[in-house]
Amino acid sequence: MLNDMESDHIMSSTPPEIMDVAEQSSLDLLTRQSKDAYKSSYKRFIDWRRMRNTHSFSENVLLAYLADLSVKVKPSTLWSQYSMLKATLTET
């Protein structure tokens, strides 16, 4: 398992055009019906990161995002958001 610094280094050293292709290919694996929900969940996470001035995809950043989200949504919604993010982030 990678620690936060290793994970951040790998993500930051990946060229943006490669990240875009990887993101698109992972989304192509999703069913058409689910794709919008996964994209929306991922976009909300990316927007949250930008608002917090972080470029990291580390476990700590994801935990902070989910903690913030947990005061706004029900546990079942939180779990589905986590699940969609996990699928999207592990594919990119």
C-alpha atoms as a PDB file:
ATOM      1  CA  MET A   1       0.000   0.000   0.000  1.00  0.00           C
ATOM      2  CA  LEU A   2       1.319   3.437  -0.903  1.00  0.00           C
ATOM      3  CA  ASN A   3       1.632   6.130   1.713  1.00  0.00           C
ATOM      4  CA  ASP A   4       0.233   9.633   1.094  1.00  0.00           C
ATOM      5  CA  MET A   5       3.498  11.075  -0.215  1.00  0.00           C
ATOM      6  CA  GLU A   6       4.068   8.208  -2.645  1.00  0.00           C
ATOM      7  CA  SER A   7       0.494   8.402  -3.869  1.00  0.00           C
ATOM      8  CA  ASP A   8       0.702  12.176  -4.333  1.00  0.00           C
ATOM      9  CA  HIS A   9       4.016  11.834  -6.184  1.00  0.00           C
ATOM     10  CA  ILE A  10       2.611   9.248  -8.573  1.00  0.00           C
ATOM     11  CA  MET A  11      -0.458  11.380  -9.286  1.00  0.00           C
ATOM     12  CA  SER A  12       1.553  14.600  -9.695  1.00  0.00           C
ATOM     13  CA  SER A  13       4.079  12.956 -12.025  1.00  0.00           C
ATOM     14  CA  THR A  14       1.395  11.662 -14.379  1.00  0.00           C
ATOM     15  CA  PRO A  15       0.974  14.003 -17.366  1.00  0.00           C
ATOM     16  CA  PRO A  16      -2.484  15.642 -17.551  1.00  0.00           C
ATOM     17  CA  GLU A  17      -3.254  14.181 -20.977  1.00  0.00           C
ATOM     18  CA  ILE A  18      -2.581  10.667 -19.630  1.00  0.00           C
ATOM     19  CA  MET A  19      -4.802  11.331 -16.617  1.00  0.00           C
ATOM     20  CA  ASP A  20      -7.580  12.524 -18.959  1.00  0.00           C
ATOM     21  CA  VAL A  21      -7.333   9.380 -21.096  1.00  0.00           C
ATOM     22  CA  ALA A  22      -7.272   7.149 -18.008  1.00  0.00           C
ATOM     23  CA  GLU A  23     -10.276   8.924 -16.501  1.00  0.00           C
ATOM     24  CA  GLN A  24     -12.229   8.628 -19.738  1.00  0.00           C
ATOM     25  CA  SER A  25     -11.409   4.953 -20.196  1.00  0.00           C
ATOM     26  CA  SER A  26     -12.477   4.136 -16.650  1.00  0.00           C
ATOM     27  CA  LEU A  27     -15.755   5.942 -17.171  1.00  0.00           C
ATOM     28  CA  ASP A  28     -16.298   4.017 -20.418  1.00  0.00           C
ATOM     29  CA  LEU A  29     -16.382   0.830 -18.343  1.00  0.00           C
ATOM     30  CA  LEU A  30     -19.427   2.048 -16.461  1.00  0.00           C
ATOM     31  CA  THR A  31     -22.929   1.471 -17.707  1.00  0.00           C
ATOM     32  CA  ARG A  32     -24.413   4.432 -19.498  1.00  0.00           C
ATOM     33  CA  GLN A  33     -27.046   4.862 -16.784  1.00  0.00           C
ATOM     34  CA  SER A  34     -24.487   4.946 -13.969  1.00  0.00           C
ATOM     35  CA  LYS A  35     -21.932   7.071 -15.776  1.00  0.00           C
ATOM     36  CA  ASP A  36     -23.618  10.395 -14.963  1.00  0.00           C
ATOM     37  CA  ALA A  37     -23.826   9.570 -11.258  1.00  0.00           C
ATOM     38  CA  TYR A  38     -20.151   8.561 -11.141  1.00  0.00           C
ATOM     39  CA  LYS A  39     -19.073  11.670 -13.074  1.00  0.00           C
ATOM     40  CA  SER A  40     -21.132  13.892 -10.793  1.00  0.00           C
ATOM     41  CA  SER A  41     -19.690  12.323  -7.654  1.00  0.00           C
ATOM     42  CA  TYR A  42     -16.149  12.660  -8.988  1.00  0.00           C
ATOM     43  CA  LYS A  43     -16.740  16.284 -10.064  1.00  0.00           C
ATOM     44  CA  ARG A  44     -18.045  17.215  -6.602  1.00  0.00           C
ATOM     45  CA  PHE A  45     -14.916  15.723  -5.043  1.00  0.00           C
ATOM     46  CA  ILE A  46     -12.642  17.578  -7.486  1.00  0.00           C
ATOM     47  CA  ASP A  47     -14.507  20.848  -6.843  1.00  0.00           C
ATOM     48  CA  TRP A  48     -14.223  20.294  -3.078  1.00  0.00           C
ATOM     49  CA  ARG A  49     -10.463  19.736  -3.456  1.00  0.00           C
ATOM     50  CA  ARG A  50     -10.106  22.945  -5.460  1.00  0.00           C
ATOM     51  CA  MET A  51     -12.021  24.904  -2.827  1.00  0.00           C
ATOM     52  CA  ARG A  52      -9.613  23.518  -0.200  1.00  0.00           C
ATOM     53  CA  ASN A  53      -6.560  24.339  -2.346  1.00  0.00           C
ATOM     54  CA  THR A  54      -5.288  20.775  -2.416  1.00  0.00           C
ATOM     55  CA  HIS A  55      -4.118  18.769  -5.389  1.00  0.00           C
ATOM     56  CA  SER A  56      -3.738  15.550  -3.445  1.00  0.00           C
ATOM     57  CA  PHE A  57      -5.745  12.381  -3.914  1.00  0.00           C
ATOM     58  CA  SER A  58      -4.417  10.978  -0.646  1.00  0.00           C
ATOM     59  CA  GLU A  59      -6.417   8.895   1.776  1.00  0.00           C
ATOM     60  CA  ASN A  60      -6.412  11.808   4.248  1.00  0.00           C
ATOM     61  CA  VAL A  61      -7.946  14.151   1.682  1.00  0.00           C
ATOM     62  CA  LEU A  62     -10.619  11.598   0.820  1.00  0.00           C
ATOM     63  CA  LEU A  63     -11.395  11.056   4.527  1.00  0.00           C
ATOM     64  CA  ALA A  64     -11.708  14.807   5.090  1.00  0.00           C
ATOM     65  CA  TYR A  65     -14.058  15.072   2.109  1.00  0.00           C
ATOM     66  CA  LEU A  66     -16.224  12.225   3.378  1.00  0.00           C
ATOM     67  CA  ALA A  67     -16.268  13.720   6.890  1.00  0.00           C
ATOM     68  CA  ASP A  68     -17.451  17.013   5.421  1.00  0.00           C
ATOM     69  CA  LEU A  69     -20.048  15.226   3.315  1.00  0.00           C
ATOM     70  CA  SER A  70     -21.267  13.172   6.293  1.00  0.00           C
ATOM     71  CA  VAL A  71     -22.870  16.213   7.926  1.00  0.00           C
ATOM     72  CA  LYS A  72     -24.856  16.929   4.748  1.00  0.00           C
ATOM     73  CA  VAL A  73     -26.122  13.515   3.640  1.00  0.00           C
ATOM     74  CA  LYS A  74     -27.575  10.328   5.093  1.00  0.00           C
ATOM     75  CA  PRO A  75     -25.259   7.373   5.804  1.00  0.00           C
ATOM     76  CA  SER A  76     -26.593   5.394   2.842  1.00  0.00           C
ATOM     77  CA  THR A  77     -25.880   8.306   0.503  1.00  0.00           C
ATOM     78  CA  LEU A  78     -22.436   8.754   2.028  1.00  0.00           C
ATOM     79  CA  TRP A  79     -21.683   5.094   1.392  1.00  0.00           C
ATOM     80  CA  SER A  80     -22.796   5.303  -2.240  1.00  0.00           C
ATOM     81  CA  GLN A  81     -20.677   8.441  -2.756  1.00  0.00           C
ATOM     82  CA  TYR A  82     -17.669   6.667  -1.240  1.00  0.00           C
ATOM     83  CA  SER A  83     -18.272   3.635  -3.426  1.00  0.00           C
ATOM     84  CA  MET A  84     -18.522   5.704  -6.615  1.00  0.00           C
ATOM     85  CA  LEU A  85     -15.427   7.715  -5.720  1.00  0.00           C
ATOM     86  CA  LYS A  86     -13.471   4.590  -4.865  1.00  0.00           C
ATOM     87  CA  ALA A  87     -14.334   3.039  -8.213  1.00  0.00           C
ATOM     88  CA  THR A  88     -13.491   6.215 -10.090  1.00  0.00           C
ATOM     89  CA  LEU A  89     -10.266   6.970  -8.216  1.00  0.00           C
ATOM     90  CA  THR A  90      -8.874   3.449  -8.410  1.00  0.00           C
ATOM     91  CA  GLU A  91      -9.406   3.429 -12.161  1.00  0.00           C
ATOM     92  CA  THR A  92      -7.664   6.779 -12.735  1.00  0.00           C
END
